[in-house]
């Protein structure tokens, strides 16, 4: 018989381990983000300035109309000049009022998802370097276990930093093609963590929704087993302790403390892929936090469709409030 806490003892009775890690909402809310190492903000601001000197040079490769939107596949430069592909979505009947930069999980992306994109928004769905489908093997390894370690010996070239910096160029591509707009970020798991790293240094953003964000609170992440990319990093740091110092520059919980816009974090109490302590470390770092607590992440469970629908409604409302406040 499972010894997991209720309701997980019935929802996930066959799970390999207790993915609540013994935490409750009360204990998760006490997890502090990792303090910034000296020079953290200066380094990220330097990277931001370097990115401004890169021409995104977007090119439209194909266009069709789908679900009442104009949907294009485009190509744009990443921070090192690597050409990356993305989807661009535009409203057909009226000019866009807001631009959404929409990240994705570590599996990459094979299609657009408009659930969190208002009808009056333009959106770019960037695909991280190396990841499927549009950028498989481009600029980074495709396999997750290789991707998450690429460049980890040098902060200038660590793949998570490059992916975060590429988001600035994706936003450049969006505004170059549709015109200057206030921007809102949406990202889940991998995309949530990468977004938290990029968000504070780009003053075009009015807010963000980060869903079960990864790469937060490495002290917690490195201390526990998981079945996501964190386990690969944990094994690597165990064998190469010096890598821990590199990770200090890429902690989503640290970075989000520098964001000065409203941020909604949807954090889960149970998650075998992204340990909840890391997710809440990110949430607890936000200056202007709208916290939505999910029963579980990266999992299906009784009522999960309703929980997801409510979370989407909450995220769209958060975007609307951020846009209204910025107007």
C-alpha atoms as a PDB file:
ATOM      1  CA  UNK A   1       0.000   0.000   0.000  1.00  0.00           C
ATOM      2  CA  UNK A   2       1.259   3.483  -0.869  1.00  0.00           C
ATOM      3  CA  UNK A   3       2.464   5.664   1.993  1.00  0.00           C
ATOM      4  CA  UNK A   4       2.159   8.848  -0.057  1.00  0.00           C
ATOM      5  CA  UNK A   5       0.124  11.691   1.456  1.00  0.00           C
ATOM      6  CA  UNK A   6      -3.537  11.945   0.442  1.00  0.00           C
ATOM      7  CA  UNK A   7      -4.770  12.280  -2.297  1.00  0.00           C
ATOM      8  CA  UNK A   8      -1.535  11.189  -4.001  1.00  0.00           C
ATOM      9  CA  UNK A   9      -1.746   7.757  -2.404  1.00  0.00           C
ATOM     10  CA  UNK A  10      -4.717   7.025  -4.656  1.00  0.00           C
ATOM     11  CA  UNK A  11      -3.856   9.275  -7.633  1.00  0.00           C
ATOM     12  CA  UNK A  12      -0.279   8.036  -8.038  1.00  0.00           C
ATOM     13  CA  UNK A  13      -0.217   4.778  -6.080  1.00  0.00           C
ATOM     14  CA  UNK A  14       2.281   3.241  -8.505  1.00  0.00           C
ATOM     15  CA  UNK A  15       4.677   6.203  -8.543  1.00  0.00           C
ATOM     16  CA  UNK A  16       8.362   5.503  -8.023  1.00  0.00           C
ATOM     17  CA  UNK A  17       8.632   7.978  -5.141  1.00  0.00           C
ATOM     18  CA  UNK A  18       6.760  10.651  -3.202  1.00  0.00           C
ATOM     19  CA  UNK A  19       6.927  13.657  -5.503  1.00  0.00           C
ATOM     20  CA  UNK A  20       5.671  15.964  -2.767  1.00  0.00           C
ATOM     21  CA  UNK A  21       9.072  15.318  -1.158  1.00  0.00           C
ATOM     22  CA  UNK A  22       7.388  15.580   2.226  1.00  0.00           C
ATOM     23  CA  UNK A  23       6.438  19.214   1.672  1.00  0.00           C
ATOM     24  CA  UNK A  24       3.147  20.987   2.294  1.00  0.00           C
ATOM     25  CA  UNK A  25       2.041  24.353   0.976  1.00  0.00           C
ATOM     26  CA  UNK A  26       3.105  25.865   4.292  1.00  0.00           C
ATOM     27  CA  UNK A  27       6.662  24.533   4.072  1.00  0.00           C
ATOM     28  CA  UNK A  28       6.960  25.344   0.369  1.00  0.00           C
ATOM     29  CA  UNK A  29       6.071  28.980   1.015  1.00  0.00           C
ATOM     30  CA  UNK A  30       9.058  29.270   3.356  1.00  0.00           C
ATOM     31  CA  UNK A  31      11.653  28.205   0.763  1.00  0.00           C
ATOM     32  CA  UNK A  32      13.874  31.176   0.070  1.00  0.00           C
ATOM     33  CA  UNK A  33      15.217  31.936  -3.401  1.00  0.00           C
ATOM     34  CA  UNK A  34      18.974  31.653  -3.821  1.00  0.00           C
ATOM     35  CA  UNK A  35      20.768  34.921  -3.088  1.00  0.00           C
ATOM     36  CA  UNK A  36      22.423  36.502  -6.105  1.00  0.00           C
ATOM     37  CA  UNK A  37      26.171  36.030  -6.409  1.00  0.00           C
ATOM     38  CA  UNK A  38      28.188  39.219  -6.650  1.00  0.00           C
ATOM     39  CA  UNK A  39      27.899  40.666 -10.142  1.00  0.00           C
ATOM     40  CA  UNK A  40      24.748  38.713 -11.070  1.00  0.00           C
ATOM     41  CA  UNK A  41      22.743  41.700 -12.287  1.00  0.00           C
ATOM     42  CA  UNK A  42      25.744  43.275 -14.013  1.00  0.00           C
ATOM     43  CA  UNK A  43      26.443  40.088 -15.942  1.00  0.00           C
ATOM     44  CA  UNK A  44      22.860  39.723 -17.142  1.00  0.00           C
ATOM     45  CA  UNK A  45      22.641  43.408 -18.034  1.00  0.00           C
ATOM     46  CA  UNK A  46      25.850  43.054 -20.040  1.00  0.00           C
ATOM     47  CA  UNK A  47      24.336  40.099 -21.894  1.00  0.00           C
ATOM     48  CA  UNK A  48      21.226  42.180 -22.542  1.00  0.00           C
ATOM     49  CA  UNK A  49      23.296  44.992 -24.034  1.00  0.00           C
ATOM     50  CA  UNK A  50      25.199  42.528 -26.208  1.00  0.00           C
ATOM     51  CA  UNK A  51      21.898  41.105 -27.468  1.00  0.00           C
ATOM     52  CA  UNK A  52      20.706  44.567 -28.450  1.00  0.00           C
ATOM     53  CA  UNK A  53      23.607  44.741 -30.892  1.00  0.00           C
ATOM     54  CA  UNK A  54      22.446  41.576 -32.689  1.00  0.00           C
ATOM     55  CA  UNK A  55      20.053  42.024 -35.598  1.00  0.00           C
ATOM     56  CA  UNK A  56      17.238  39.478 -35.237  1.00  0.00           C
ATOM     57  CA  UNK A  57      16.764  39.824 -39.015  1.00  0.00           C
ATOM     58  CA  UNK A  58      13.488  37.902 -39.095  1.00  0.00           C
ATOM     59  CA  UNK A  59      12.400  36.237 -42.323  1.00  0.00           C
ATOM     60  CA  UNK A  60       8.956  34.805 -43.006  1.00  0.00           C
ATOM     61  CA  UNK A  61       9.265  31.324 -44.480  1.00  0.00           C
ATOM     62  CA  UNK A  62       5.586  30.389 -44.890  1.00  0.00           C
ATOM     63  CA  UNK A  63       2.141  31.691 -43.931  1.00  0.00           C
ATOM     64  CA  UNK A  64      -1.348  30.245 -43.619  1.00  0.00           C
ATOM     65  CA  UNK A  65      -4.621  31.168 -41.938  1.00  0.00           C
ATOM     66  CA  UNK A  66      -5.756  28.882 -39.125  1.00  0.00           C
ATOM     67  CA  UNK A  67      -8.378  29.305 -36.405  1.00  0.00           C
ATOM     68  CA  UNK A  68      -8.936  32.908 -37.415  1.00  0.00           C
ATOM     69  CA  UNK A  69      -5.253  33.837 -37.085  1.00  0.00           C
ATOM     70  CA  UNK A  70      -2.458  34.360 -39.554  1.00  0.00           C
ATOM     71  CA  UNK A  71       0.183  31.752 -38.670  1.00  0.00           C
ATOM     72  CA  UNK A  72       3.679  31.973 -40.104  1.00  0.00           C
ATOM     73  CA  UNK A  73       6.865  30.013 -39.685  1.00  0.00           C
ATOM     74  CA  UNK A  74       9.693  32.488 -39.380  1.00  0.00           C
ATOM     75  CA  UNK A  75      13.431  32.408 -38.879  1.00  0.00           C
ATOM     76  CA  UNK A  76      15.427  34.817 -36.726  1.00  0.00           C
ATOM     77  CA  UNK A  77      18.908  35.162 -35.284  1.00  0.00           C
ATOM     78  CA  UNK A  78      19.829  33.937 -31.822  1.00  0.00           C
ATOM     79  CA  UNK A  79      22.335  35.781 -29.664  1.00  0.00           C
ATOM     80  CA  UNK A  80      25.312  34.136 -31.346  1.00  0.00           C
ATOM     81  CA  UNK A  81      23.904  34.531 -34.846  1.00  0.00           C
ATOM     82  CA  UNK A  82      22.492  30.992 -35.018  1.00  0.00           C
ATOM     83  CA  UNK A  83      19.369  31.057 -37.166  1.00  0.00           C
ATOM     84  CA  UNK A  84      16.393  29.737 -35.212  1.00  0.00           C
ATOM     85  CA  UNK A  85      12.857  29.009 -36.361  1.00  0.00           C
ATOM     86  CA  UNK A  86       9.626  29.952 -34.617  1.00  0.00           C
ATOM     87  CA  UNK A  87       5.913  30.321 -35.196  1.00  0.00           C
ATOM     88  CA  UNK A  88       4.427  33.806 -35.484  1.00  0.00           C
ATOM     89  CA  UNK A  89       0.701  34.326 -34.880  1.00  0.00           C
ATOM     90  CA  UNK A  90      -1.205  37.511 -35.753  1.00  0.00           C
ATOM     91  CA  UNK A  91      -4.867  38.498 -35.515  1.00  0.00           C
ATOM     92  CA  UNK A  92      -6.520  38.801 -38.919  1.00  0.00           C
ATOM     93  CA  UNK A  93      -9.293  41.309 -38.289  1.00  0.00           C
ATOM     94  CA  UNK A  94      -7.678  44.041 -36.176  1.00  0.00           C
ATOM     95  CA  UNK A  95      -4.247  45.252 -35.039  1.00  0.00           C
ATOM     96  CA  UNK A  96      -2.751  43.478 -32.035  1.00  0.00           C
ATOM     97  CA  UNK A  97      -2.849  45.222 -28.643  1.00  0.00           C
ATOM     98  CA  UNK A  98      -0.201  43.072 -26.946  1.00  0.00           C
ATOM     99  CA  UNK A  99       2.585  40.706 -27.919  1.00  0.00           C
ATOM    100  CA  UNK A 100       2.948  37.312 -26.245  1.00  0.00           C
ATOM    101  CA  UNK A 101       6.267  35.487 -26.177  1.00  0.00           C
ATOM    102  CA  UNK A 102       5.270  31.887 -25.486  1.00  0.00           C
ATOM    103  CA  UNK A 103       7.894  29.407 -24.321  1.00  0.00           C
ATOM    104  CA  UNK A 104       7.623  25.612 -24.127  1.00  0.00           C
ATOM    105  CA  UNK A 105       8.645  22.590 -22.104  1.00  0.00           C
ATOM    106  CA  UNK A 106      11.803  20.518 -22.478  1.00  0.00           C
ATOM    107  CA  UNK A 107      10.174  18.346 -25.118  1.00  0.00           C
ATOM    108  CA  UNK A 108      10.220  21.282 -27.520  1.00  0.00           C
ATOM    109  CA  UNK A 109       7.167  22.220 -29.546  1.00  0.00           C
ATOM    110  CA  UNK A 110       5.487  20.706 -32.584  1.00  0.00           C
ATOM    111  CA  UNK A 111       2.533  23.105 -32.870  1.00  0.00           C
ATOM    112  CA  UNK A 112       1.179  26.369 -31.534  1.00  0.00           C
ATOM    113  CA  UNK A 113      -1.119  26.451 -28.496  1.00  0.00           C
ATOM    114  CA  UNK A 114      -3.457  29.444 -28.378  1.00  0.00           C
ATOM    115  CA  UNK A 115      -5.095  28.649 -25.021  1.00  0.00           C
ATOM    116  CA  UNK A 116      -3.226  31.471 -23.264  1.00  0.00           C
ATOM    117  CA  UNK A 117      -3.094  33.883 -26.210  1.00  0.00           C
ATOM    118  CA  UNK A 118      -5.927  36.464 -26.388  1.00  0.00           C
ATOM    119  CA  UNK A 119      -7.669  37.043 -29.692  1.00  0.00           C
ATOM    120  CA  UNK A 120      -6.239  40.572 -29.887  1.00  0.00           C
ATOM    121  CA  UNK A 121      -2.623  39.458 -29.328  1.00  0.00           C
ATOM    122  CA  UNK A 122       0.216  38.781 -31.674  1.00  0.00           C
ATOM    123  CA  UNK A 123       2.438  35.977 -30.452  1.00  0.00           C
ATOM    124  CA  UNK A 124       5.734  34.348 -31.159  1.00  0.00           C
ATOM    125  CA  UNK A 125       6.235  30.714 -30.243  1.00  0.00           C
ATOM    126  CA  UNK A 126      10.024  30.433 -30.192  1.00  0.00           C
ATOM    127  CA  UNK A 127      11.618  27.012 -30.118  1.00  0.00           C
ATOM    128  CA  UNK A 128      14.771  26.791 -28.009  1.00  0.00           C
ATOM    129  CA  UNK A 129      18.006  26.101 -29.814  1.00  0.00           C
ATOM    130  CA  UNK A 130      18.589  22.397 -30.288  1.00  0.00           C
ATOM    131  CA  UNK A 131      15.035  21.327 -29.518  1.00  0.00           C
ATOM    132  CA  UNK A 132      12.334  19.819 -31.735  1.00  0.00           C
ATOM    133  CA  UNK A 133      10.640  20.287 -33.963  1.00  0.00           C
ATOM    134  CA  UNK A 134      11.779  23.449 -35.672  1.00  0.00           C
ATOM    135  CA  UNK A 135      15.290  23.657 -34.208  1.00  0.00           C
ATOM    136  CA  UNK A 136      16.233  20.041 -33.546  1.00  0.00           C
ATOM    137  CA  UNK A 137      20.020  19.909 -33.280  1.00  0.00           C
ATOM    138  CA  UNK A 138      20.463  23.560 -34.305  1.00  0.00           C
ATOM    139  CA  UNK A 139      22.863  25.412 -32.016  1.00  0.00           C
ATOM    140  CA  UNK A 140      22.715  22.783 -29.254  1.00  0.00           C
ATOM    141  CA  UNK A 141      22.260  19.011 -28.855  1.00  0.00           C
ATOM    142  CA  UNK A 142      18.729  17.691 -29.276  1.00  0.00           C
ATOM    143  CA  UNK A 143      18.815  15.008 -26.568  1.00  0.00           C
ATOM    144  CA  UNK A 144      17.663  16.457 -23.247  1.00  0.00           C
ATOM    145  CA  UNK A 145      20.440  14.814 -21.234  1.00  0.00           C
ATOM    146  CA  UNK A 146      23.033  16.391 -23.537  1.00  0.00           C
ATOM    147  CA  UNK A 147      21.191  19.670 -24.013  1.00  0.00           C
ATOM    148  CA  UNK A 148      20.964  20.592 -20.326  1.00  0.00           C
ATOM    149  CA  UNK A 149      24.727  20.124 -19.895  1.00  0.00           C
ATOM    150  CA  UNK A 150      25.882  21.847 -23.094  1.00  0.00           C
ATOM    151  CA  UNK A 151      28.446  24.520 -22.260  1.00  0.00           C
ATOM    152  CA  UNK A 152      28.070  24.060 -18.515  1.00  0.00           C
ATOM    153  CA  UNK A 153      31.785  24.641 -17.981  1.00  0.00           C
ATOM    154  CA  UNK A 154      31.515  28.288 -19.112  1.00  0.00           C
ATOM    155  CA  UNK A 155      28.770  30.751 -18.075  1.00  0.00           C
ATOM    156  CA  UNK A 156      29.173  32.636 -21.349  1.00  0.00           C
ATOM    157  CA  UNK A 157      28.166  29.570 -23.330  1.00  0.00           C
ATOM    158  CA  UNK A 158      25.943  27.523 -21.007  1.00  0.00           C
ATOM    159  CA  UNK A 159      22.919  26.512 -23.033  1.00  0.00           C
ATOM    160  CA  UNK A 160      20.327  27.703 -20.498  1.00  0.00           C
ATOM    161  CA  UNK A 161      21.804  31.186 -20.649  1.00  0.00           C
ATOM    162  CA  UNK A 162      21.895  31.129 -24.426  1.00  0.00           C
ATOM    163  CA  UNK A 163      18.248  30.013 -24.557  1.00  0.00           C
ATOM    164  CA  UNK A 164      17.235  32.833 -22.212  1.00  0.00           C
ATOM    165  CA  UNK A 165      19.178  35.376 -24.223  1.00  0.00           C
ATOM    166  CA  UNK A 166      17.633  34.020 -27.440  1.00  0.00           C
ATOM    167  CA  UNK A 167      14.232  35.019 -26.028  1.00  0.00           C
ATOM    168  CA  UNK A 168      15.252  38.668 -26.322  1.00  0.00           C
ATOM    169  CA  UNK A 169      15.929  38.117 -30.025  1.00  0.00           C
ATOM    170  CA  UNK A 170      12.619  36.277 -30.424  1.00  0.00           C
ATOM    171  CA  UNK A 171      10.891  39.330 -28.976  1.00  0.00           C
ATOM    172  CA  UNK A 172      12.892  41.515 -31.374  1.00  0.00           C
ATOM    173  CA  UNK A 173      11.646  39.366 -34.252  1.00  0.00           C
ATOM    174  CA  UNK A 174       8.048  39.692 -33.076  1.00  0.00           C
ATOM    175  CA  UNK A 175       8.153  43.478 -32.801  1.00  0.00           C
ATOM    176  CA  UNK A 176      10.060  43.833 -36.067  1.00  0.00           C
ATOM    177  CA  UNK A 177       7.299  41.959 -37.900  1.00  0.00           C
ATOM    178  CA  UNK A 178       4.182  43.287 -36.149  1.00  0.00           C
ATOM    179  CA  UNK A 179       5.325  46.617 -34.718  1.00  0.00           C
ATOM    180  CA  UNK A 180       6.200  47.738 -31.183  1.00  0.00           C
ATOM    181  CA  UNK A 181       3.860  46.259 -28.579  1.00  0.00           C
ATOM    182  CA  UNK A 182       3.871  45.768 -24.834  1.00  0.00           C
ATOM    183  CA  UNK A 183       5.044  42.213 -24.226  1.00  0.00           C
ATOM    184  CA  UNK A 184       3.817  39.465 -21.926  1.00  0.00           C
ATOM    185  CA  UNK A 185       5.655  36.204 -21.348  1.00  0.00           C
ATOM    186  CA  UNK A 186       4.128  32.741 -20.969  1.00  0.00           C
ATOM    187  CA  UNK A 187       6.275  29.687 -20.298  1.00  0.00           C
ATOM    188  CA  UNK A 188       5.872  26.236 -18.796  1.00  0.00           C
ATOM    189  CA  UNK A 189       8.475  24.007 -17.117  1.00  0.00           C
ATOM    190  CA  UNK A 190      11.675  24.589 -19.166  1.00  0.00           C
ATOM    191  CA  UNK A 191      10.024  27.686 -20.642  1.00  0.00           C
ATOM    192  CA  UNK A 192       9.024  28.928 -17.208  1.00  0.00           C
ATOM    193  CA  UNK A 193      12.578  28.792 -15.918  1.00  0.00           C
ATOM    194  CA  UNK A 194      14.121  30.238 -19.071  1.00  0.00           C
ATOM    195  CA  UNK A 195      11.542  33.023 -19.022  1.00  0.00           C
ATOM    196  CA  UNK A 196      12.357  33.868 -15.409  1.00  0.00           C
ATOM    197  CA  UNK A 197      16.012  34.257 -16.405  1.00  0.00           C
ATOM    198  CA  UNK A 198      15.244  36.536 -19.361  1.00  0.00           C
ATOM    199  CA  UNK A 199      12.329  38.594 -18.044  1.00  0.00           C
ATOM    200  CA  UNK A 200      14.010  41.022 -15.601  1.00  0.00           C
ATOM    201  CA  UNK A 201      16.411  42.507 -18.136  1.00  0.00           C
ATOM    202  CA  UNK A 202      13.928  43.337 -20.917  1.00  0.00           C
ATOM    203  CA  UNK A 203      11.904  46.482 -20.193  1.00  0.00           C
ATOM    204  CA  UNK A 204       9.362  45.731 -22.934  1.00  0.00           C
ATOM    205  CA  UNK A 205       7.566  43.232 -20.696  1.00  0.00           C
ATOM    206  CA  UNK A 206       4.490  44.167 -18.676  1.00  0.00           C
ATOM    207  CA  UNK A 207       4.081  40.785 -16.938  1.00  0.00           C
ATOM    208  CA  UNK A 208       4.459  37.033 -17.156  1.00  0.00           C
ATOM    209  CA  UNK A 209       2.915  33.682 -16.319  1.00  0.00           C
ATOM    210  CA  UNK A 210       5.372  30.951 -15.316  1.00  0.00           C
ATOM    211  CA  UNK A 211       3.861  27.471 -15.130  1.00  0.00           C
ATOM    212  CA  UNK A 212       5.623  24.830 -12.987  1.00  0.00           C
ATOM    213  CA  UNK A 213       8.909  26.671 -13.671  1.00  0.00           C
ATOM    214  CA  UNK A 214      12.176  24.773 -13.790  1.00  0.00           C
ATOM    215  CA  UNK A 215      15.774  25.808 -12.968  1.00  0.00           C
ATOM    216  CA  UNK A 216      14.828  27.375  -9.629  1.00  0.00           C
ATOM    217  CA  UNK A 217      16.560  27.044  -6.241  1.00  0.00           C
ATOM    218  CA  UNK A 218      19.469  24.772  -7.143  1.00  0.00           C
ATOM    219  CA  UNK A 219      20.233  23.986  -3.506  1.00  0.00           C
ATOM    220  CA  UNK A 220      16.850  22.255  -3.380  1.00  0.00           C
ATOM    221  CA  UNK A 221      17.038  20.809  -6.914  1.00  0.00           C
ATOM    222  CA  UNK A 222      20.437  19.240  -6.393  1.00  0.00           C
ATOM    223  CA  UNK A 223      19.409  17.686  -3.083  1.00  0.00           C
ATOM    224  CA  UNK A 224      16.644  15.409  -4.380  1.00  0.00           C
ATOM    225  CA  UNK A 225      15.996  12.799  -7.052  1.00  0.00           C
ATOM    226  CA  UNK A 226      13.669  13.625  -9.946  1.00  0.00           C
ATOM    227  CA  UNK A 227      12.907  12.190 -13.369  1.00  0.00           C
ATOM    228  CA  UNK A 228      13.448  15.428 -15.305  1.00  0.00           C
ATOM    229  CA  UNK A 229      16.514  17.289 -16.533  1.00  0.00           C
ATOM    230  CA  UNK A 230      17.418  18.105 -12.940  1.00  0.00           C
ATOM    231  CA  UNK A 231      18.597  14.541 -12.412  1.00  0.00           C
ATOM    232  CA  UNK A 232      21.105  14.853 -15.231  1.00  0.00           C
ATOM    233  CA  UNK A 233      22.420  18.066 -13.708  1.00  0.00           C
ATOM    234  CA  UNK A 234      22.491  16.519 -10.234  1.00  0.00           C
ATOM    235  CA  UNK A 235      24.606  13.610 -11.463  1.00  0.00           C
ATOM    236  CA  UNK A 236      26.944  15.986 -13.279  1.00  0.00           C
ATOM    237  CA  UNK A 237      27.462  18.245 -10.267  1.00  0.00           C
ATOM    238  CA  UNK A 238      28.129  15.208  -8.074  1.00  0.00           C
ATOM    239  CA  UNK A 239      30.979  14.278 -10.419  1.00  0.00           C
ATOM    240  CA  UNK A 240      32.053  17.862 -11.166  1.00  0.00           C
ATOM    241  CA  UNK A 241      31.383  20.023  -8.076  1.00  0.00           C
ATOM    242  CA  UNK A 242      32.809  23.101  -9.775  1.00  0.00           C
ATOM    243  CA  UNK A 243      29.714  23.153 -12.001  1.00  0.00           C
ATOM    244  CA  UNK A 244      27.675  24.330  -9.015  1.00  0.00           C
ATOM    245  CA  UNK A 245      29.370  27.713  -9.310  1.00  0.00           C
ATOM    246  CA  UNK A 246      28.296  28.029 -12.947  1.00  0.00           C
ATOM    247  CA  UNK A 247      24.691  27.220 -12.041  1.00  0.00           C
ATOM    248  CA  UNK A 248      24.555  30.220  -9.693  1.00  0.00           C
ATOM    249  CA  UNK A 249      24.275  32.458 -12.755  1.00  0.00           C
ATOM    250  CA  UNK A 250      21.258  30.534 -14.062  1.00  0.00           C
ATOM    251  CA  UNK A 251      18.987  30.129 -11.054  1.00  0.00           C
ATOM    252  CA  UNK A 252      15.443  31.172 -11.916  1.00  0.00           C
ATOM    253  CA  UNK A 253      14.667  31.908  -8.263  1.00  0.00           C
ATOM    254  CA  UNK A 254      17.548  34.383  -8.139  1.00  0.00           C
ATOM    255  CA  UNK A 255      16.728  36.070 -11.418  1.00  0.00           C
ATOM    256  CA  UNK A 256      13.024  36.568 -10.774  1.00  0.00           C
ATOM    257  CA  UNK A 257      13.814  38.744  -7.772  1.00  0.00           C
ATOM    258  CA  UNK A 258      15.072  41.367 -10.217  1.00  0.00           C
ATOM    259  CA  UNK A 259      11.791  41.494 -12.188  1.00  0.00           C
ATOM    260  CA  UNK A 260       9.708  44.594 -11.547  1.00  0.00           C
ATOM    261  CA  UNK A 261       6.522  43.518 -13.299  1.00  0.00           C
ATOM    262  CA  UNK A 262       3.621  41.410 -12.015  1.00  0.00           C
ATOM    263  CA  UNK A 263       4.325  37.703 -12.311  1.00  0.00           C
ATOM    264  CA  UNK A 264       1.870  34.833 -11.984  1.00  0.00           C
ATOM    265  CA  UNK A 265       3.446  31.544 -10.931  1.00  0.00           C
ATOM    266  CA  UNK A 266       1.453  28.334 -11.190  1.00  0.00           C
ATOM    267  CA  UNK A 267       3.332  26.009  -8.849  1.00  0.00           C
ATOM    268  CA  UNK A 268       2.549  22.371  -8.063  1.00  0.00           C
ATOM    269  CA  UNK A 269       2.492  20.536  -4.741  1.00  0.00           C
ATOM    270  CA  UNK A 270       3.486  17.234  -6.414  1.00  0.00           C
ATOM    271  CA  UNK A 271       5.813  16.976  -9.381  1.00  0.00           C
ATOM    272  CA  UNK A 272       8.322  14.204 -10.149  1.00  0.00           C
ATOM    273  CA  UNK A 273       9.888  16.162 -13.031  1.00  0.00           C
ATOM    274  CA  UNK A 274      10.399  19.594 -11.453  1.00  0.00           C
ATOM    275  CA  UNK A 275      10.530  19.237  -7.661  1.00  0.00           C
ATOM    276  CA  UNK A 276       7.987  21.552  -6.017  1.00  0.00           C
ATOM    277  CA  UNK A 277      10.629  23.152  -3.796  1.00  0.00           C
ATOM    278  CA  UNK A 278      12.314  24.540  -6.895  1.00  0.00           C
ATOM    279  CA  UNK A 279       9.038  25.842  -8.300  1.00  0.00           C
ATOM    280  CA  UNK A 280       8.146  27.582  -5.059  1.00  0.00           C
ATOM    281  CA  UNK A 281      11.665  28.943  -4.753  1.00  0.00           C
ATOM    282  CA  UNK A 282      10.940  30.768  -8.018  1.00  0.00           C
ATOM    283  CA  UNK A 283       7.515  31.931  -6.836  1.00  0.00           C
ATOM    284  CA  UNK A 284       8.895  33.134  -3.517  1.00  0.00           C
ATOM    285  CA  UNK A 285      11.447  35.244  -5.366  1.00  0.00           C
ATOM    286  CA  UNK A 286       8.829  37.328  -7.200  1.00  0.00           C
ATOM    287  CA  UNK A 287       8.341  40.930  -6.042  1.00  0.00           C
ATOM    288  CA  UNK A 288       4.786  41.162  -7.428  1.00  0.00           C
ATOM    289  CA  UNK A 289       3.393  37.640  -7.152  1.00  0.00           C
ATOM    290  CA  UNK A 290       0.080  36.136  -8.144  1.00  0.00           C
ATOM    291  CA  UNK A 291       0.408  32.542  -6.904  1.00  0.00           C
ATOM    292  CA  UNK A 292      -1.791  29.741  -8.213  1.00  0.00           C
ATOM    293  CA  UNK A 293      -1.297  26.423  -6.408  1.00  0.00           C
ATOM    294  CA  UNK A 294      -1.763  23.309  -8.535  1.00  0.00           C
ATOM    295  CA  UNK A 295      -2.345  19.880  -6.965  1.00  0.00           C
ATOM    296  CA  UNK A 296       0.250  18.319  -9.262  1.00  0.00           C
ATOM    297  CA  UNK A 297       2.461  19.136 -12.223  1.00  0.00           C
ATOM    298  CA  UNK A 298       3.607  17.088 -15.211  1.00  0.00           C
ATOM    299  CA  UNK A 299       0.840  14.589 -14.395  1.00  0.00           C
ATOM    300  CA  UNK A 300      -2.780  13.746 -15.075  1.00  0.00           C
ATOM    301  CA  UNK A 301      -5.069  13.163 -12.101  1.00  0.00           C
ATOM    302  CA  UNK A 302      -8.792  13.267 -11.327  1.00  0.00           C
ATOM    303  CA  UNK A 303     -10.032  16.765 -12.089  1.00  0.00           C
ATOM    304  CA  UNK A 304      -6.813  17.845 -13.828  1.00  0.00           C
ATOM    305  CA  UNK A 305      -8.657  19.104 -16.906  1.00  0.00           C
ATOM    306  CA  UNK A 306     -10.755  21.435 -14.771  1.00  0.00           C
ATOM    307  CA  UNK A 307      -7.672  22.617 -12.867  1.00  0.00           C
ATOM    308  CA  UNK A 308      -5.892  23.351 -16.148  1.00  0.00           C
ATOM    309  CA  UNK A 309      -8.891  25.238 -17.537  1.00  0.00           C
ATOM    310  CA  UNK A 310      -9.094  27.364 -14.396  1.00  0.00           C
ATOM    311  CA  UNK A 311      -5.365  28.049 -14.531  1.00  0.00           C
ATOM    312  CA  UNK A 312      -5.664  29.192 -18.136  1.00  0.00           C
ATOM    313  CA  UNK A 313      -8.515  31.541 -17.207  1.00  0.00           C
ATOM    314  CA  UNK A 314      -6.427  32.907 -14.364  1.00  0.00           C
ATOM    315  CA  UNK A 315      -3.427  33.431 -16.621  1.00  0.00           C
ATOM    316  CA  UNK A 316      -5.454  35.278 -19.233  1.00  0.00           C
ATOM    317  CA  UNK A 317      -6.971  37.482 -16.522  1.00  0.00           C
ATOM    318  CA  UNK A 318      -3.470  38.235 -15.223  1.00  0.00           C
ATOM    319  CA  UNK A 319      -2.391  39.291 -18.708  1.00  0.00           C
ATOM    320  CA  UNK A 320      -5.467  41.514 -19.055  1.00  0.00           C
ATOM    321  CA  UNK A 321      -4.753  43.226 -15.722  1.00  0.00           C
ATOM    322  CA  UNK A 322      -1.103  43.760 -16.633  1.00  0.00           C
ATOM    323  CA  UNK A 323      -2.088  45.284 -19.982  1.00  0.00           C
ATOM    324  CA  UNK A 324      -4.670  47.532 -18.349  1.00  0.00           C
ATOM    325  CA  UNK A 325      -2.162  48.722 -15.748  1.00  0.00           C
ATOM    326  CA  UNK A 326       0.393  49.465 -18.452  1.00  0.00           C
ATOM    327  CA  UNK A 327      -2.048  51.398 -20.647  1.00  0.00           C
END
